[in-house]
């Protein structure tokens, strides 16, 4: 399925054990979306990183990225 196809839902949730490649897949997908002009913002949470494991930064980060993209 290509990025260009119509989608009913535009949220993807991945889960799996450590080291199976979730972050690599998500990063690649985000880069493809950005290259094709579909990405407004992205954010990766990380359990072990307190600066990336905080819901408080979600809205501010996404809003800032959308602002700077548009």
PDB file of N, CA and C in Angstrom:
ATOM      1  N   UNK A   1       0.843  -1.170   0.000  1.00  0.00           N
ATOM      2  CA  UNK A   1       0.000   0.000   0.000  1.00  0.00           C
ATOM      3  C   UNK A   1       0.890   1.235   0.000  1.00  0.00           C
ATOM      4  N   UNK A   2       0.578   2.194  -0.859  1.00  0.00           N
ATOM      5  CA  UNK A   2       1.381   3.412  -0.903  1.00  0.00           C
ATOM      6  C   UNK A   2       0.811   4.468   0.030  1.00  0.00           C
ATOM      7  N   UNK A   3       1.605   5.458   0.294  1.00  0.00           N
ATOM      8  CA  UNK A   3       1.190   6.563   1.149  1.00  0.00           C
ATOM      9  C   UNK A   3       0.047   7.337   0.486  1.00  0.00           C
ATOM     10  N   UNK A   4      -0.007   7.322  -0.851  1.00  0.00           N
ATOM     11  CA  UNK A   4      -0.981   8.118  -1.593  1.00  0.00           C
ATOM     12  C   UNK A   4      -2.402   7.560  -1.526  1.00  0.00           C
ATOM     13  N   UNK A   5      -2.570   6.315  -1.172  1.00  0.00           N
ATOM     14  CA  UNK A   5      -3.901   5.716  -1.144  1.00  0.00           C
ATOM     15  C   UNK A   5      -4.748   6.324  -0.036  1.00  0.00           C
ATOM     16  N   UNK A   6      -6.046   6.402  -0.292  1.00  0.00           N
ATOM     17  CA  UNK A   6      -6.968   6.939   0.712  1.00  0.00           C
ATOM     18  C   UNK A   6      -6.970   6.045   1.937  1.00  0.00           C
ATOM     19  N   UNK A   7      -6.981   6.671   3.098  1.00  0.00           N
ATOM     20  CA  UNK A   7      -6.977   5.932   4.349  1.00  0.00           C
ATOM     21  C   UNK A   7      -8.127   6.423   5.209  1.00  0.00           C
ATOM     22  N   UNK A   8      -8.773   5.530   5.917  1.00  0.00           N
ATOM     23  CA  UNK A   8      -9.820   5.920   6.841  1.00  0.00           C
ATOM     24  C   UNK A   8      -9.215   6.430   8.151  1.00  0.00           C
ATOM     25  N   UNK A   9      -8.087   5.849   8.557  1.00  0.00           N
ATOM     26  CA  UNK A   9      -7.425   6.237   9.796  1.00  0.00           C
ATOM     27  C   UNK A   9      -5.964   6.553   9.500  1.00  0.00           C
ATOM     28  N   UNK A  10      -5.461   7.623  10.074  1.00  0.00           N
ATOM     29  CA  UNK A  10      -4.093   8.037   9.824  1.00  0.00           C
ATOM     30  C   UNK A  10      -3.221   7.936  11.065  1.00  0.00           C
ATOM     31  N   UNK A  11      -3.554   7.042  11.967  1.00  0.00           N
ATOM     32  CA  UNK A  11      -2.730   6.812  13.152  1.00  0.00           C
ATOM     33  C   UNK A  11      -2.252   5.371  13.121  1.00  0.00           C
ATOM     34  N   UNK A  12      -0.978   5.167  13.389  1.00  0.00           N
ATOM     35  CA  UNK A  12      -0.418   3.827  13.396  1.00  0.00           C
ATOM     36  C   UNK A  12       0.211   3.591  14.760  1.00  0.00           C
ATOM     37  N   UNK A  13      -0.089   2.460  15.353  1.00  0.00           N
ATOM     38  CA  UNK A  13       0.459   2.099  16.659  1.00  0.00           C
ATOM     39  C   UNK A  13       1.287   0.842  16.462  1.00  0.00           C
ATOM     40  N   UNK A  14       2.539   0.872  16.881  1.00  0.00           N
ATOM     41  CA  UNK A  14       3.393  -0.304  16.789  1.00  0.00           C
ATOM     42  C   UNK A  14       3.782  -0.741  18.188  1.00  0.00           C
ATOM     43  N   UNK A  15       3.837  -2.027  18.375  1.00  0.00           N
ATOM     44  CA  UNK A  15       4.312  -2.551  19.657  1.00  0.00           C
ATOM     45  C   UNK A  15       5.150  -3.794  19.392  1.00  0.00           C
ATOM     46  N   UNK A  16       6.001  -4.099  20.320  1.00  0.00           N
ATOM     47  CA  UNK A  16       6.861  -5.260  20.189  1.00  0.00           C
ATOM     48  C   UNK A  16       8.007  -5.164  21.179  1.00  0.00           C
ATOM     49  N   UNK A  17       8.743  -6.213  21.259  1.00  0.00           N
ATOM     50  CA  UNK A  17       9.865  -6.284  22.183  1.00  0.00           C
ATOM     51  C   UNK A  17      11.004  -5.357  21.806  1.00  0.00           C
ATOM     52  N   UNK A  18      11.880  -5.159  22.753  1.00  0.00           N
ATOM     53  CA  UNK A  18      13.053  -4.311  22.522  1.00  0.00           C
ATOM     54  C   UNK A  18      13.924  -4.893  21.416  1.00  0.00           C
ATOM     55  N   UNK A  19      14.375  -4.027  20.535  1.00  0.00           N
ATOM     56  CA  UNK A  19      15.311  -4.448  19.496  1.00  0.00           C
ATOM     57  C   UNK A  19      14.706  -5.065  18.260  1.00  0.00           C
ATOM     58  N   UNK A  20      13.380  -5.029  18.107  1.00  0.00           N
ATOM     59  CA  UNK A  20      12.774  -5.647  16.925  1.00  0.00           C
ATOM     60  C   UNK A  20      12.667  -4.691  15.742  1.00  0.00           C
ATOM     61  N   UNK A  21      12.971  -3.399  15.951  1.00  0.00           N
ATOM     62  CA  UNK A  21      13.014  -2.451  14.837  1.00  0.00           C
ATOM     63  C   UNK A  21      11.856  -1.468  14.767  1.00  0.00           C
ATOM     64  N   UNK A  22      11.114  -1.306  15.847  1.00  0.00           N
ATOM     65  CA  UNK A  22       9.973  -0.377  15.836  1.00  0.00           C
ATOM     66  C   UNK A  22      10.419   1.044  15.518  1.00  0.00           C
ATOM     67  N   UNK A  23      11.447   1.514  16.192  1.00  0.00           N
ATOM     68  CA  UNK A  23      11.917   2.886  15.977  1.00  0.00           C
ATOM     69  C   UNK A  23      12.451   3.077  14.564  1.00  0.00           C
ATOM     70  N   UNK A  24      13.142   2.096  14.046  1.00  0.00           N
ATOM     71  CA  UNK A  24      13.679   2.193  12.680  1.00  0.00           C
ATOM     72  C   UNK A  24      12.548   2.269  11.661  1.00  0.00           C
ATOM     73  N   UNK A  25      11.509   1.475  11.850  1.00  0.00           N
ATOM     74  CA  UNK A  25      10.356   1.505  10.946  1.00  0.00           C
ATOM     75  C   UNK A  25       9.652   2.852  11.043  1.00  0.00           C
ATOM     76  N   UNK A  26       9.424   3.329  12.259  1.00  0.00           N
ATOM     77  CA  UNK A  26       8.741   4.609  12.450  1.00  0.00           C
ATOM     78  C   UNK A  26       9.548   5.756  11.847  1.00  0.00           C
ATOM     79  N   UNK A  27      10.859   5.756  12.042  1.00  0.00           N
ATOM     80  CA  UNK A  27      11.713   6.805  11.487  1.00  0.00           C
ATOM     81  C   UNK A  27      11.676   6.787   9.969  1.00  0.00           C
ATOM     82  N   UNK A  28      11.768   5.611   9.374  1.00  0.00           N
ATOM     83  CA  UNK A  28      11.720   5.483   7.921  1.00  0.00           C
ATOM     84  C   UNK A  28      10.381   5.966   7.381  1.00  0.00           C
ATOM     85  N   UNK A  29       9.298   5.592   8.031  1.00  0.00           N
ATOM     86  CA  UNK A  29       7.970   6.009   7.603  1.00  0.00           C
ATOM     87  C   UNK A  29       7.825   7.529   7.687  1.00  0.00           C
ATOM     88  N   UNK A  30       8.293   8.123   8.780  1.00  0.00           N
ATOM     89  CA  UNK A  30       8.224   9.580   8.940  1.00  0.00           C
ATOM     90  C   UNK A  30       9.049  10.281   7.862  1.00  0.00           C
ATOM     91  N   UNK A  31      10.216   9.763   7.551  1.00  0.00           N
ATOM     92  CA  UNK A  31      11.064  10.356   6.515  1.00  0.00           C
ATOM     93  C   UNK A  31      10.393  10.278   5.147  1.00  0.00           C
ATOM     94  N   UNK A  32       9.737   9.156   4.849  1.00  0.00           N
ATOM     95  CA  UNK A  32       9.015   9.022   3.577  1.00  0.00           C
ATOM     96  C   UNK A  32       7.853   9.998   3.494  1.00  0.00           C
ATOM     97  N   UNK A  33       7.113  10.123   4.600  1.00  0.00           N
ATOM     98  CA  UNK A  33       5.992  11.066   4.627  1.00  0.00           C
ATOM     99  C   UNK A  33       6.481  12.493   4.432  1.00  0.00           C
ATOM    100  N   UNK A  34       7.585  12.843   5.089  1.00  0.00           N
ATOM    101  CA  UNK A  34       8.142  14.186   4.944  1.00  0.00           C
ATOM    102  C   UNK A  34       8.589  14.445   3.509  1.00  0.00           C
ATOM    103  N   UNK A  35       9.258  13.484   2.903  1.00  0.00           N
ATOM    104  CA  UNK A  35       9.740  13.629   1.535  1.00  0.00           C
ATOM    105  C   UNK A  35       8.589  13.835   0.546  1.00  0.00           C
ATOM    106  N   UNK A  36       7.433  13.259   0.848  1.00  0.00           N
ATOM    107  CA  UNK A  36       6.279  13.378  -0.043  1.00  0.00           C
ATOM    108  C   UNK A  36       5.335  14.502   0.369  1.00  0.00           C
ATOM    109  N   UNK A  37       5.723  15.272   1.390  1.00  0.00           N
ATOM    110  CA  UNK A  37       4.937  16.427   1.789  1.00  0.00           C
ATOM    111  C   UNK A  37       3.728  16.125   2.658  1.00  0.00           C
ATOM    112  N   UNK A  38       3.700  14.969   3.312  1.00  0.00           N
ATOM    113  CA  UNK A  38       2.572  14.585   4.155  1.00  0.00           C
ATOM    114  C   UNK A  38       2.820  14.768   5.644  1.00  0.00           C
ATOM    115  N   UNK A  39       4.028  15.020   6.045  1.00  0.00           N
ATOM    116  CA  UNK A  39       4.350  15.077   7.466  1.00  0.00           C
ATOM    117  C   UNK A  39       4.297  16.510   7.973  1.00  0.00           C
ATOM    118  N   UNK A  40       3.455  16.754   8.969  1.00  0.00           N
ATOM    119  CA  UNK A  40       3.423  18.059   9.621  1.00  0.00           C
ATOM    120  C   UNK A  40       4.262  18.063  10.883  1.00  0.00           C
ATOM    121  N   UNK A  41       4.275  16.921  11.590  1.00  0.00           N
ATOM    122  CA  UNK A  41       5.009  16.845  12.846  1.00  0.00           C
ATOM    123  C   UNK A  41       5.245  15.389  13.209  1.00  0.00           C
ATOM    124  N   UNK A  42       6.225  15.167  14.066  1.00  0.00           N
ATOM    125  CA  UNK A  42       6.480  13.813  14.555  1.00  0.00           C
ATOM    126  C   UNK A  42       7.053  13.891  15.961  1.00  0.00           C
ATOM    127  N   UNK A  43       6.839  12.852  16.715  1.00  0.00           N
ATOM    128  CA  UNK A  43       7.347  12.789  18.078  1.00  0.00           C
ATOM    129  C   UNK A  43       7.530  11.330  18.452  1.00  0.00           C
ATOM    130  N   UNK A  44       8.660  10.995  19.007  1.00  0.00           N
ATOM    131  CA  UNK A  44       8.927   9.642  19.470  1.00  0.00           C
ATOM    132  C   UNK A  44       9.056   9.654  20.981  1.00  0.00           C
ATOM    133  N   UNK A  45       8.282   8.811  21.627  1.00  0.00           N
ATOM    134  CA  UNK A  45       8.387   8.654  23.074  1.00  0.00           C
ATOM    135  C   UNK A  45       9.404   7.570  23.371  1.00  0.00           C
ATOM    136  N   UNK A  46      10.084   7.679  24.492  1.00  0.00           N
ATOM    137  CA  UNK A  46      11.028   6.666  24.929  1.00  0.00           C
ATOM    138  C   UNK A  46      10.896   6.446  26.428  1.00  0.00           C
ATOM    139  N   UNK A  47      10.644   5.225  26.826  1.00  0.00           N
ATOM    140  CA  UNK A  47      10.435   4.935  28.251  1.00  0.00           C
ATOM    141  C   UNK A  47      11.630   5.276  29.119  1.00  0.00           C
ATOM    142  N   UNK A  48      12.815   5.040  28.615  1.00  0.00           N
ATOM    143  CA  UNK A  48      14.008   5.211  29.447  1.00  0.00           C
ATOM    144  C   UNK A  48      14.576   6.629  29.409  1.00  0.00           C
ATOM    145  N   UNK A  49      14.025   7.504  28.587  1.00  0.00           N
ATOM    146  CA  UNK A  49      14.523   8.868  28.466  1.00  0.00           C
ATOM    147  C   UNK A  49      13.497   9.840  29.042  1.00  0.00           C
ATOM    148  N   UNK A  50      13.759  10.416  30.223  1.00  0.00           N
ATOM    149  CA  UNK A  50      12.789  11.306  30.865  1.00  0.00           C
ATOM    150  C   UNK A  50      12.387  12.501  29.999  1.00  0.00           C
ATOM    151  N   UNK A  51      13.274  12.962  29.130  1.00  0.00           N
ATOM    152  CA  UNK A  51      12.929  14.098  28.272  1.00  0.00           C
ATOM    153  C   UNK A  51      12.025  13.688  27.111  1.00  0.00           C
ATOM    154  N   UNK A  52      11.959  12.385  26.798  1.00  0.00           N
ATOM    155  CA  UNK A  52      11.090  11.886  25.730  1.00  0.00           C
ATOM    156  C   UNK A  52      10.005  10.978  26.278  1.00  0.00           C
ATOM    157  N   UNK A  53       9.774  11.021  27.560  1.00  0.00           N
ATOM    158  CA  UNK A  53       8.781  10.165  28.198  1.00  0.00           C
ATOM    159  C   UNK A  53       7.839  11.031  29.035  1.00  0.00           C
ATOM    160  N   UNK A  54       7.450  12.172  28.475  1.00  0.00           N
ATOM    161  CA  UNK A  54       6.659  13.131  29.224  1.00  0.00           C
ATOM    162  C   UNK A  54       5.521  13.641  28.348  1.00  0.00           C
ATOM    163  N   UNK A  55       4.298  13.363  28.731  1.00  0.00           N
ATOM    164  CA  UNK A  55       3.131  13.763  27.940  1.00  0.00           C
ATOM    165  C   UNK A  55       3.003  15.274  27.847  1.00  0.00           C
ATOM    166  N   UNK A  56       3.554  15.994  28.810  1.00  0.00           N
ATOM    167  CA  UNK A  56       3.460  17.454  28.802  1.00  0.00           C
ATOM    168  C   UNK A  56       4.090  18.076  27.566  1.00  0.00           C
ATOM    169  N   UNK A  57       5.087  17.434  27.001  1.00  0.00           N
ATOM    170  CA  UNK A  57       5.756  17.993  25.829  1.00  0.00           C
ATOM    171  C   UNK A  57       5.038  17.669  24.524  1.00  0.00           C
ATOM    172  N   UNK A  58       4.062  16.791  24.545  1.00  0.00           N
ATOM    173  CA  UNK A  58       3.390  16.358  23.314  1.00  0.00           C
ATOM    174  C   UNK A  58       2.751  17.527  22.570  1.00  0.00           C
ATOM    175  N   UNK A  59       1.837  18.238  23.196  1.00  0.00           N
ATOM    176  CA  UNK A  59       1.101  19.309  22.521  1.00  0.00           C
ATOM    177  C   UNK A  59       2.039  20.430  22.084  1.00  0.00           C
ATOM    178  N   UNK A  60       2.941  20.835  22.957  1.00  0.00           N
ATOM    179  CA  UNK A  60       3.867  21.922  22.625  1.00  0.00           C
ATOM    180  C   UNK A  60       4.747  21.531  21.444  1.00  0.00           C
ATOM    181  N   UNK A  61       5.277  20.329  21.459  1.00  0.00           N
ATOM    182  CA  UNK A  61       6.157  19.869  20.379  1.00  0.00           C
ATOM    183  C   UNK A  61       5.420  19.788  19.057  1.00  0.00           C
ATOM    184  N   UNK A  62       4.245  19.168  19.056  1.00  0.00           N
ATOM    185  CA  UNK A  62       3.467  19.031  17.826  1.00  0.00           C
ATOM    186  C   UNK A  62       3.040  20.411  17.304  1.00  0.00           C
ATOM    187  N   UNK A  63       2.566  21.273  18.189  1.00  0.00           N
ATOM    188  CA  UNK A  63       2.142  22.620  17.768  1.00  0.00           C
ATOM    189  C   UNK A  63       3.316  23.401  17.167  1.00  0.00           C
ATOM    190  N   UNK A  64       4.472  23.336  17.808  1.00  0.00           N
ATOM    191  CA  UNK A  64       5.645  24.047  17.294  1.00  0.00           C
ATOM    192  C   UNK A  64       6.045  23.517  15.914  1.00  0.00           C
ATOM    193  N   UNK A  65       6.057  22.204  15.746  1.00  0.00           N
ATOM    194  CA  UNK A  65       6.445  21.636  14.462  1.00  0.00           C
ATOM    195  C   UNK A  65       5.450  22.000  13.352  1.00  0.00           C
ATOM    196  N   UNK A  66       4.158  21.989  13.662  1.00  0.00           N
ATOM    197  CA  UNK A  66       3.159  22.386  12.669  1.00  0.00           C
ATOM    198  C   UNK A  66       3.341  23.858  12.316  1.00  0.00           C
ATOM    199  N   UNK A  67       3.564  24.709  13.325  1.00  0.00           N
ATOM    200  CA  UNK A  67       3.782  26.136  13.090  1.00  0.00           C
ATOM    201  C   UNK A  67       4.977  26.373  12.182  1.00  0.00           C
ATOM    202  N   UNK A  68       6.076  25.686  12.436  1.00  0.00           N
ATOM    203  CA  UNK A  68       7.282  25.924  11.634  1.00  0.00           C
ATOM    204  C   UNK A  68       7.194  25.281  10.254  1.00  0.00           C
ATOM    205  N   UNK A  69       6.330  24.280  10.090  1.00  0.00           N
ATOM    206  CA  UNK A  69       6.154  23.629   8.795  1.00  0.00           C
ATOM    207  C   UNK A  69       5.280  24.470   7.867  1.00  0.00           C
ATOM    208  N   UNK A  70       4.260  25.074   8.441  1.00  0.00           N
ATOM    209  CA  UNK A  70       3.298  25.854   7.631  1.00  0.00           C
ATOM    210  C   UNK A  70       3.761  27.257   7.539  1.00  0.00           C
TER     211      UNK A  70
END
